[in-house]
């Protein structure tokens, strides 16, 4: 199974999709119902609320619509001025995390959280992120696979 798209439900498809097109630097044809933007091996989709309401869902407090989109870049600090120029609401300025990644977090115009991060050179090797996280929490994750390894 592969993740091929993350989709956001919004009442402002054109506005939110336009923001992400500018963020990713890709051309897109906007409309008010559904837009899909290529973002590497996966895409980000945007659809109007009425196209994602299901009678059997029922909504309510047990159904959350919170998401975080994570974008990998080569250099967080190089991306910071360009993203800041989009007028985003910052949650976390560029910061080096204890596990070695450099990340920044902001809210898109729809209030969704967006994380932009870059990996330290040593983390580019397979298994290095799990090893770094293990050092932080004091356990060894070497040789483990699946969710426990992260």
Foldseek 3Di string as FASTA:
>chain_A
DDAAEAEAEDQAQQQQVVLVCQLQVHDWDDDRAKTWADQDNHIYMYGYPVVPDDPVVVDDDVDDRADEAEHEDADLVVSQVSNVVSVWAWPAHFDQDQLGKTWTWTAGPVRHIYIYIYHDPQVVDPLSSLQSVCVVVVHGLPPDDDPVSD
